[in-house]
PDB file of all heavy atoms in Angstrom:
ATOM      1  N   LYS A   1     -16.746  27.497 -10.065  1.00  0.00           N
ATOM      2  CA  LYS A   1     -15.859  26.692  -9.223  1.00  0.00           C
ATOM      3  C   LYS A   1     -16.371  26.663  -7.780  1.00  0.00           C
ATOM      4  O   LYS A   1     -16.352  25.633  -7.133  1.00  0.00           O
ATOM      5  CB  LYS A   1     -14.434  27.259  -9.246  1.00  0.00           C
ATOM      6  CG  LYS A   1     -13.648  26.857 -10.472  1.00  0.00           C
ATOM      7  CD  LYS A   1     -12.251  27.411 -10.398  1.00  0.00           C
ATOM      8  CE  LYS A   1     -11.477  27.112 -11.678  1.00  0.00           C
ATOM      9  NZ  LYS A   1     -10.179  27.768 -11.691  1.00  0.00           N
ATOM     10  N   GLN A   2     -16.837  27.832  -7.280  1.00  0.00           N
ATOM     11  CA  GLN A   2     -17.339  27.894  -5.912  1.00  0.00           C
ATOM     12  C   GLN A   2     -18.584  27.023  -5.752  1.00  0.00           C
ATOM     13  O   GLN A   2     -18.755  26.349  -4.751  1.00  0.00           O
ATOM     14  CB  GLN A   2     -17.654  29.341  -5.516  1.00  0.00           C
ATOM     15  CG  GLN A   2     -16.406  30.144  -5.265  1.00  0.00           C
ATOM     16  CD  GLN A   2     -16.689  31.604  -5.024  1.00  0.00           C
ATOM     17  OE1 GLN A   2     -17.767  32.099  -5.298  1.00  0.00           O
ATOM     18  NE2 GLN A   2     -15.707  32.305  -4.503  1.00  0.00           N
ATOM     19  N   ARG A   3     -19.473  27.032  -6.760  1.00  0.00           N
ATOM     20  CA  ARG A   3     -20.676  26.212  -6.701  1.00  0.00           C
ATOM     21  C   ARG A   3     -20.317  24.728  -6.726  1.00  0.00           C
ATOM     22  O   ARG A   3     -20.887  23.940  -6.001  1.00  0.00           O
ATOM     23  CB  ARG A   3     -21.617  26.560  -7.860  1.00  0.00           C
ATOM     24  CG  ARG A   3     -22.336  27.868  -7.636  1.00  0.00           C
ATOM     25  CD  ARG A   3     -23.582  28.021  -8.458  1.00  0.00           C
ATOM     26  NE  ARG A   3     -23.533  27.307  -9.718  1.00  0.00           N
ATOM     27  CZ  ARG A   3     -23.950  27.787 -10.870  1.00  0.00           C
ATOM     28  NH1 ARG A   3     -24.428  28.997 -10.950  1.00  0.00           N
ATOM     29  NH2 ARG A   3     -23.904  27.071 -11.982  1.00  0.00           N
ATOM     30  N   LYS A   4     -19.332  24.330  -7.564  1.00  0.00           N
ATOM     31  CA  LYS A   4     -18.908  22.933  -7.635  1.00  0.00           C
ATOM     32  C   LYS A   4     -18.284  22.495  -6.317  1.00  0.00           C
ATOM     33  O   LYS A   4     -18.559  21.417  -5.822  1.00  0.00           O
ATOM     34  CB  LYS A   4     -17.899  22.731  -8.776  1.00  0.00           C
ATOM     35  CG  LYS A   4     -18.547  22.649 -10.139  1.00  0.00           C
ATOM     36  CD  LYS A   4     -17.503  22.407 -11.208  1.00  0.00           C
ATOM     37  CE  LYS A   4     -18.137  22.405 -12.594  1.00  0.00           C
ATOM     38  NZ  LYS A   4     -17.124  22.261 -13.641  1.00  0.00           N
ATOM     39  N   THR A   5     -17.437  23.346  -5.738  1.00  0.00           N
ATOM     40  CA  THR A   5     -16.793  23.032  -4.465  1.00  0.00           C
ATOM     41  C   THR A   5     -17.828  22.829  -3.374  1.00  0.00           C
ATOM     42  O   THR A   5     -17.743  21.891  -2.598  1.00  0.00           O
ATOM     43  CB  THR A   5     -15.816  24.167  -4.062  1.00  0.00           C
ATOM     44  OG1 THR A   5     -14.892  24.376  -5.120  1.00  0.00           O
ATOM     45  CG2 THR A   5     -15.057  23.823  -2.797  1.00  0.00           C
ATOM     46  N   THR A   6     -18.835  23.702  -3.329  1.00  0.00           N
ATOM     47  CA  THR A   6     -19.897  23.601  -2.335  1.00  0.00           C
ATOM     48  C   THR A   6     -20.664  22.297  -2.503  1.00  0.00           C
ATOM     49  O   THR A   6     -20.932  21.599  -1.536  1.00  0.00           O
ATOM     50  CB  THR A   6     -20.865  24.804  -2.450  1.00  0.00           C
ATOM     51  OG1 THR A   6     -20.105  26.002  -2.362  1.00  0.00           O
ATOM     52  CG2 THR A   6     -21.886  24.797  -1.331  1.00  0.00           C
ATOM     53  N   SER A   7     -21.015  21.929  -3.740  1.00  0.00           N
ATOM     54  CA  SER A   7     -21.767  20.695  -3.970  1.00  0.00           C
ATOM     55  C   SER A   7     -20.902  19.468  -3.663  1.00  0.00           C
ATOM     56  O   SER A   7     -21.393  18.479  -3.150  1.00  0.00           O
ATOM     57  CB  SER A   7     -22.310  20.635  -5.400  1.00  0.00           C
ATOM     58  OG  SER A   7     -21.265  20.558  -6.323  1.00  0.00           O
ATOM     59  N   MET A   8     -19.582  19.523  -3.956  1.00  0.00           N
ATOM     60  CA  MET A   8     -18.685  18.421  -3.637  1.00  0.00           C
ATOM     61  C   MET A   8     -18.590  18.233  -2.128  1.00  0.00           C
ATOM     62  O   MET A   8     -18.617  17.121  -1.634  1.00  0.00           O
ATOM     63  CB  MET A   8     -17.284  18.690  -4.203  1.00  0.00           C
ATOM     64  CG  MET A   8     -17.198  18.614  -5.713  1.00  0.00           C
ATOM     65  SD  MET A   8     -17.264  16.934  -6.301  1.00  0.00           S
ATOM     66  CE  MET A   8     -15.587  16.437  -5.982  1.00  0.00           C
ATOM     67  N   LYS A   9     -18.502  19.344  -1.371  1.00  0.00           N
ATOM     68  CA  LYS A   9     -18.428  19.264   0.087  1.00  0.00           C
ATOM     69  C   LYS A   9     -19.676  18.616   0.654  1.00  0.00           C
ATOM     70  O   LYS A   9     -19.611  17.801   1.550  1.00  0.00           O
ATOM     71  CB  LYS A   9     -18.226  20.663   0.687  1.00  0.00           C
ATOM     72  CG  LYS A   9     -16.808  21.164   0.581  1.00  0.00           C
ATOM     73  CD  LYS A   9     -16.679  22.520   1.210  1.00  0.00           C
ATOM     74  CE  LYS A   9     -15.282  23.072   1.041  1.00  0.00           C
ATOM     75  NZ  LYS A   9     -15.158  24.435   1.536  1.00  0.00           N
ATOM     76  N   SER A  10     -20.842  19.002   0.134  1.00  0.00           N
ATOM     77  CA  SER A  10     -22.087  18.432   0.651  1.00  0.00           C
ATOM     78  C   SER A  10     -22.172  16.943   0.331  1.00  0.00           C
ATOM     79  O   SER A  10     -22.651  16.163   1.139  1.00  0.00           O
ATOM     80  CB  SER A  10     -23.306  19.186   0.115  1.00  0.00           C
ATOM     81  OG  SER A  10     -23.388  19.054  -1.280  1.00  0.00           O
ATOM     82  N   LYS A  11     -21.661  16.517  -0.833  1.00  0.00           N
ATOM     83  CA  LYS A  11     -21.636  15.089  -1.172  1.00  0.00           C
ATOM     84  C   LYS A  11     -20.688  14.350  -0.237  1.00  0.00           C
ATOM     85  O   LYS A  11     -21.012  13.282   0.260  1.00  0.00           O
ATOM     86  CB  LYS A  11     -21.183  14.887  -2.626  1.00  0.00           C
ATOM     87  CG  LYS A  11     -22.251  15.165  -3.641  1.00  0.00           C
ATOM     88  CD  LYS A  11     -21.720  14.925  -5.044  1.00  0.00           C
ATOM     89  CE  LYS A  11     -22.754  15.344  -6.080  1.00  0.00           C
ATOM     90  NZ  LYS A  11     -22.228  15.212  -7.442  1.00  0.00           N
ATOM     91  N   ASN A  12     -19.509  14.923   0.011  1.00  0.00           N
ATOM     92  CA  ASN A  12     -18.542  14.296   0.897  1.00  0.00           C
ATOM     93  C   ASN A  12     -19.075  14.158   2.317  1.00  0.00           C
ATOM     94  O   ASN A  12     -18.853  13.160   2.978  1.00  0.00           O
ATOM     95  CB  ASN A  12     -17.221  15.076   0.913  1.00  0.00           C
ATOM     96  CG  ASN A  12     -16.450  14.911  -0.386  1.00  0.00           C
ATOM     97  OD1 ASN A  12     -16.691  13.974  -1.138  1.00  0.00           O
ATOM     98  ND2 ASN A  12     -15.542  15.828  -0.648  1.00  0.00           N
ATOM     99  N   LEU A  13     -19.784  15.164   2.779  1.00  0.00           N
ATOM    100  CA  LEU A  13     -20.362  15.121   4.114  1.00  0.00           C
ATOM    101  C   LEU A  13     -21.395  14.008   4.219  1.00  0.00           C
ATOM    102  O   LEU A  13     -21.441  13.283   5.199  1.00  0.00           O
ATOM    103  CB  LEU A  13     -20.987  16.471   4.484  1.00  0.00           C
ATOM    104  CG  LEU A  13     -19.997  17.601   4.774  1.00  0.00           C
ATOM    105  CD1 LEU A  13     -20.743  18.911   4.975  1.00  0.00           C
ATOM    106  CD2 LEU A  13     -19.171  17.286   6.004  1.00  0.00           C
ATOM    107  N   SER A  14     -22.240  13.859   3.193  1.00  0.00           N
ATOM    108  CA  SER A  14     -23.254  12.808   3.242  1.00  0.00           C
ATOM    109  C   SER A  14     -22.606  11.430   3.163  1.00  0.00           C
ATOM    110  O   SER A  14     -23.024  10.496   3.818  1.00  0.00           O
ATOM    111  CB  SER A  14     -24.280  12.990   2.119  1.00  0.00           C
ATOM    112  OG  SER A  14     -23.641  12.867   0.866  1.00  0.00           O
ATOM    113  N   ASN A  15     -21.516  11.285   2.393  1.00  0.00           N
ATOM    114  CA  ASN A  15     -20.792  10.015   2.318  1.00  0.00           C
ATOM    115  C   ASN A  15     -20.104   9.688   3.639  1.00  0.00           C
ATOM    116  O   ASN A  15     -20.116   8.562   4.083  1.00  0.00           O
ATOM    117  CB  ASN A  15     -19.746  10.046   1.204  1.00  0.00           C
ATOM    118  CG  ASN A  15     -20.387  10.003  -0.173  1.00  0.00           C
ATOM    119  OD1 ASN A  15     -21.539   9.615  -0.310  1.00  0.00           O
ATOM    120  ND2 ASN A  15     -19.637  10.402  -1.187  1.00  0.00           N
ATOM    121  N   SER A  16     -19.500  10.696   4.276  1.00  0.00           N
ATOM    122  CA  SER A  16     -18.782  10.461   5.525  1.00  0.00           C
ATOM    123  C   SER A  16     -19.726  10.028   6.634  1.00  0.00           C
ATOM    124  O   SER A  16     -19.373   9.232   7.479  1.00  0.00           O
ATOM    125  CB  SER A  16     -17.982  11.691   5.939  1.00  0.00           C
ATOM    126  OG  SER A  16     -18.842  12.754   6.244  1.00  0.00           O
ATOM    127  N   SER A  17     -20.961  10.530   6.628  1.00  0.00           N
ATOM    128  CA  SER A  17     -21.905  10.117   7.663  1.00  0.00           C
ATOM    129  C   SER A  17     -22.296   8.658   7.474  1.00  0.00           C
ATOM    130  O   SER A  17     -22.516   7.939   8.433  1.00  0.00           O
ATOM    131  CB  SER A  17     -23.138  11.021   7.665  1.00  0.00           C
ATOM    132  OG  SER A  17     -23.803  10.901   6.429  1.00  0.00           O
ATOM    133  N   THR A  18     -22.327   8.185   6.218  1.00  0.00           N
ATOM    134  CA  THR A  18     -22.630   6.781   5.940  1.00  0.00           C
ATOM    135  C   THR A  18     -21.490   5.895   6.435  1.00  0.00           C
ATOM    136  O   THR A  18     -21.723   4.859   7.036  1.00  0.00           O
ATOM    137  CB  THR A  18     -22.825   6.558   4.422  1.00  0.00           C
ATOM    138  OG1 THR A  18     -23.772   7.502   3.949  1.00  0.00           O
ATOM    139  CG2 THR A  18     -23.313   5.148   4.132  1.00  0.00           C
ATOM    140  N   ILE A  19     -20.268   6.330   6.203  1.00  0.00           N
ATOM    141  CA  ILE A  19     -19.089   5.561   6.630  1.00  0.00           C
ATOM    142  C   ILE A  19     -19.056   5.448   8.148  1.00  0.00           C
ATOM    143  O   ILE A  19     -18.797   4.388   8.692  1.00  0.00           O
ATOM    144  CB  ILE A  19     -17.785   6.199   6.107  1.00  0.00           C
ATOM    145  CG1 ILE A  19     -17.720   6.034   4.591  1.00  0.00           C
ATOM    146  CG2 ILE A  19     -16.558   5.589   6.759  1.00  0.00           C
ATOM    147  CD1 ILE A  19     -16.668   6.888   3.931  1.00  0.00           C
ATOM    148  N   LYS A  20     -19.365   6.528   8.851  1.00  0.00           N
ATOM    149  CA  LYS A  20     -19.342   6.525  10.313  1.00  0.00           C
ATOM    150  C   LYS A  20     -20.274   5.455  10.880  1.00  0.00           C
ATOM    151  O   LYS A  20     -19.988   4.868  11.890  1.00  0.00           O
ATOM    152  CB  LYS A  20     -19.728   7.903  10.858  1.00  0.00           C
ATOM    153  CG  LYS A  20     -18.596   8.891  10.818  1.00  0.00           C
ATOM    154  CD  LYS A  20     -19.010  10.172  11.468  1.00  0.00           C
ATOM    155  CE  LYS A  20     -17.894  11.193  11.392  1.00  0.00           C
ATOM    156  NZ  LYS A  20     -18.278  12.456  11.996  1.00  0.00           N
ATOM    157  N   LYS A  21     -21.396   5.225  10.220  1.00  0.00           N
ATOM    158  CA  LYS A  21     -22.351   4.242  10.710  1.00  0.00           C
ATOM    159  C   LYS A  21     -21.776   2.825  10.639  1.00  0.00           C
ATOM    160  O   LYS A  21     -22.135   1.981  11.438  1.00  0.00           O
ATOM    161  CB  LYS A  21     -23.641   4.311   9.889  1.00  0.00           C
ATOM    162  CG  LYS A  21     -24.454   5.555  10.181  1.00  0.00           C
ATOM    163  CD  LYS A  21     -25.675   5.603   9.306  1.00  0.00           C
ATOM    164  CE  LYS A  21     -26.401   6.928   9.494  1.00  0.00           C
ATOM    165  NZ  LYS A  21     -27.507   7.080   8.565  1.00  0.00           N
ATOM    166  N   THR A  22     -20.885   2.561   9.694  1.00  0.00           N
ATOM    167  CA  THR A  22     -20.355   1.211   9.516  1.00  0.00           C
ATOM    168  C   THR A  22     -19.057   0.971  10.291  1.00  0.00           C
ATOM    169  O   THR A  22     -18.636  -0.159  10.443  1.00  0.00           O
ATOM    170  CB  THR A  22     -20.098   0.926   8.021  1.00  0.00           C
ATOM    171  OG1 THR A  22     -19.156   1.877   7.539  1.00  0.00           O
ATOM    172  CG2 THR A  22     -21.376   1.005   7.211  1.00  0.00           C
ATOM    173  N   VAL A  23     -18.408   2.021  10.798  1.00  0.00           N
ATOM    174  CA  VAL A  23     -17.145   1.870  11.528  1.00  0.00           C
ATOM    175  C   VAL A  23     -17.451   1.631  12.998  1.00  0.00           C
ATOM    176  O   VAL A  23     -18.297   2.307  13.574  1.00  0.00           O
ATOM    177  CB  VAL A  23     -16.279   3.146  11.360  1.00  0.00           C
ATOM    178  CG1 VAL A  23     -15.022   3.056  12.203  1.00  0.00           C
ATOM    179  CG2 VAL A  23     -15.939   3.355   9.905  1.00  0.00           C
ATOM    180  N   PRO A  24     -16.757   0.673  13.638  1.00  0.00           N
ATOM    181  CA  PRO A  24     -16.987   0.428  15.070  1.00  0.00           C
ATOM    182  C   PRO A  24     -16.675   1.668  15.901  1.00  0.00           C
ATOM    183  O   PRO A  24     -15.818   2.471  15.542  1.00  0.00           O
ATOM    184  CB  PRO A  24     -16.007  -0.703  15.407  1.00  0.00           C
ATOM    185  CG  PRO A  24     -15.622  -1.300  14.100  1.00  0.00           C
ATOM    186  CD  PRO A  24     -15.795  -0.242  13.067  1.00  0.00           C
ATOM    187  N   LYS A  25     -17.351   1.797  17.044  1.00  0.00           N
ATOM    188  CA  LYS A  25     -17.237   2.985  17.870  1.00  0.00           C
ATOM    189  C   LYS A  25     -15.808   3.255  18.322  1.00  0.00           C
ATOM    190  O   LYS A  25     -15.341   4.377  18.278  1.00  0.00           O
ATOM    191  CB  LYS A  25     -18.156   2.853  19.084  1.00  0.00           C
ATOM    192  CG  LYS A  25     -18.264   4.123  19.877  1.00  0.00           C
ATOM    193  CD  LYS A  25     -19.269   4.000  20.984  1.00  0.00           C
ATOM    194  CE  LYS A  25     -19.385   5.314  21.717  1.00  0.00           C
ATOM    195  NZ  LYS A  25     -20.322   5.259  22.814  1.00  0.00           N
ATOM    196  N   LYS A  26     -15.065   2.251  18.754  1.00  0.00           N
ATOM    197  CA  LYS A  26     -13.697   2.455  19.245  1.00  0.00           C
ATOM    198  C   LYS A  26     -12.787   3.009  18.150  1.00  0.00           C
ATOM    199  O   LYS A  26     -11.953   3.850  18.397  1.00  0.00           O
ATOM    200  CB  LYS A  26     -13.133   1.148  19.788  1.00  0.00           C
ATOM    201  CG  LYS A  26     -13.706   0.783  21.128  1.00  0.00           C
ATOM    202  CD  LYS A  26     -13.067  -0.467  21.655  1.00  0.00           C
ATOM    203  CE  LYS A  26     -13.679  -0.823  23.008  1.00  0.00           C
ATOM    204  NZ  LYS A  26     -13.127  -2.059  23.529  1.00  0.00           N
ATOM    205  N   ALA A  27     -12.940   2.521  16.941  1.00  0.00           N
ATOM    206  CA  ALA A  27     -12.105   3.005  15.830  1.00  0.00           C
ATOM    207  C   ALA A  27     -12.478   4.407  15.421  1.00  0.00           C
ATOM    208  O   ALA A  27     -11.690   5.141  14.885  1.00  0.00           O
ATOM    209  CB  ALA A  27     -12.242   2.062  14.638  1.00  0.00           C
ATOM    210  N   ARG A  28     -13.717   4.801  15.713  1.00  0.00           N
ATOM    211  CA  ARG A  28     -14.216   6.094  15.276  1.00  0.00           C
ATOM    212  C   ARG A  28     -13.780   7.228  16.191  1.00  0.00           C
ATOM    213  O   ARG A  28     -13.583   8.347  15.766  1.00  0.00           O
ATOM    214  CB  ARG A  28     -15.750   6.040  15.187  1.00  0.00           C
ATOM    215  CG  ARG A  28     -16.336   7.228  14.473  1.00  0.00           C
ATOM    216  CD  ARG A  28     -17.822   7.110  14.277  1.00  0.00           C
ATOM    217  NE  ARG A  28     -18.524   7.189  15.540  1.00  0.00           N
ATOM    218  CZ  ARG A  28     -19.463   6.329  15.928  1.00  0.00           C
ATOM    219  NH1 ARG A  28     -19.796   5.320  15.179  1.00  0.00           N
ATOM    220  NH2 ARG A  28     -20.060   6.475  17.081  1.00  0.00           N
ATOM    221  N   GLU A  29     -13.599   6.978  17.467  1.00  0.00           N
ATOM    222  CA  GLU A  29     -13.346   8.059  18.425  1.00  0.00           C
ATOM    223  C   GLU A  29     -12.131   8.913  18.086  1.00  0.00           C
ATOM    224  O   GLU A  29     -12.234  10.126  18.054  1.00  0.00           O
ATOM    225  CB  GLU A  29     -13.238   7.489  19.837  1.00  0.00           C
ATOM    226  CG  GLU A  29     -14.602   7.098  20.381  1.00  0.00           C
ATOM    227  CD  GLU A  29     -14.515   6.370  21.698  1.00  0.00           C
ATOM    228  OE1 GLU A  29     -13.404   6.216  22.239  1.00  0.00           O
ATOM    229  OE2 GLU A  29     -15.572   5.960  22.189  1.00  0.00           O
ATOM    230  N   PRO A  30     -10.959   8.354  17.767  1.00  0.00           N
ATOM    231  CA  PRO A  30      -9.817   9.219  17.407  1.00  0.00           C
ATOM    232  C   PRO A  30     -10.092  10.055  16.170  1.00  0.00           C
ATOM    233  O   PRO A  30      -9.706  11.206  16.105  1.00  0.00           O
ATOM    234  CB  PRO A  30      -8.676   8.232  17.170  1.00  0.00           C
ATOM    235  CG  PRO A  30      -9.066   6.993  17.895  1.00  0.00           C
ATOM    236  CD  PRO A  30     -10.573   6.952  17.848  1.00  0.00           C
ATOM    237  N   ARG A  31     -10.793   9.498  15.177  1.00  0.00           N
ATOM    238  CA  ARG A  31     -11.100  10.255  13.960  1.00  0.00           C
ATOM    239  C   ARG A  31     -12.015  11.426  14.256  1.00  0.00           C
ATOM    240  O   ARG A  31     -11.874  12.486  13.700  1.00  0.00           O
ATOM    241  CB  ARG A  31     -11.761   9.326  12.924  1.00  0.00           C
ATOM    242  CG  ARG A  31     -10.778   8.393  12.299  1.00  0.00           C
ATOM    243  CD  ARG A  31     -11.422   7.652  11.170  1.00  0.00           C
ATOM    244  NE  ARG A  31     -10.493   6.671  10.662  1.00  0.00           N
ATOM    245  CZ  ARG A  31     -10.822   5.472  10.250  1.00  0.00           C
ATOM    246  NH1 ARG A  31     -12.079   5.091  10.279  1.00  0.00           N
ATOM    247  NH2 ARG A  31      -9.921   4.650   9.801  1.00  0.00           N
ATOM    248  N   ASP A  32     -13.004  11.187  15.123  1.00  0.00           N
ATOM    249  CA  ASP A  32     -13.907  12.288  15.493  1.00  0.00           C
ATOM    250  C   ASP A  32     -13.109  13.434  16.108  1.00  0.00           C
ATOM    251  O   ASP A  32     -13.355  14.595  15.827  1.00  0.00           O
ATOM    252  CB  ASP A  32     -14.973  11.810  16.483  1.00  0.00           C
ATOM    253  CG  ASP A  32     -16.040  10.951  15.813  1.00  0.00           C
ATOM    254  OD1 ASP A  32     -16.101  10.970  14.559  1.00  0.00           O
ATOM    255  OD2 ASP A  32     -16.773  10.284  16.526  1.00  0.00           O
ATOM    256  N   PHE A  33     -12.140  13.097  16.943  1.00  0.00           N
ATOM    257  CA  PHE A  33     -11.316  14.130  17.576  1.00  0.00           C
ATOM    258  C   PHE A  33     -10.514  14.901  16.538  1.00  0.00           C
ATOM    259  O   PHE A  33     -10.476  16.105  16.543  1.00  0.00           O
ATOM    260  CB  PHE A  33     -10.378  13.475  18.601  1.00  0.00           C
ATOM    261  CG  PHE A  33      -9.446  14.451  19.259  1.00  0.00           C
ATOM    262  CD1 PHE A  33      -9.913  15.317  20.250  1.00  0.00           C
ATOM    263  CD2 PHE A  33      -8.128  14.552  18.871  1.00  0.00           C
ATOM    264  CE1 PHE A  33      -9.062  16.224  20.847  1.00  0.00           C
ATOM    265  CE2 PHE A  33      -7.289  15.464  19.441  1.00  0.00           C
ATOM    266  CZ  PHE A  33      -7.749  16.297  20.437  1.00  0.00           C
ATOM    267  N   ILE A  34      -9.925  14.173  15.570  1.00  0.00           N
ATOM    268  CA  ILE A  34      -9.131  14.821  14.526  1.00  0.00           C
ATOM    269  C   ILE A  34     -10.004  15.697  13.642  1.00  0.00           C
ATOM    270  O   ILE A  34      -9.685  16.843  13.373  1.00  0.00           O
ATOM    271  CB  ILE A  34      -8.390  13.765  13.665  1.00  0.00           C
ATOM    272  CG1 ILE A  34      -7.304  13.099  14.517  1.00  0.00           C
ATOM    273  CG2 ILE A  34      -7.770  14.383  12.427  1.00  0.00           C
ATOM    274  CD1 ILE A  34      -6.730  11.834  13.920  1.00  0.00           C
ATOM    275  N   SER A  35     -11.170  15.175  13.231  1.00  0.00           N
ATOM    276  CA  SER A  35     -12.019  15.975  12.328  1.00  0.00           C
ATOM    277  C   SER A  35     -12.554  17.208  13.037  1.00  0.00           C
ATOM    278  O   SER A  35     -12.764  18.226  12.415  1.00  0.00           O
ATOM    279  CB  SER A  35     -13.173  15.117  11.786  1.00  0.00           C
ATOM    280  OG  SER A  35     -14.017  14.732  12.836  1.00  0.00           O
TER     281      SER A  35
END
């Protein structure tokens, strides 16, 4: 379970970085603060 959780987190992190590139800067700033 720990290995699966770790691999899921790394996949989510790589996906989130892709999403950040497509979101406009103004919309991204509040999310960056929350995360």
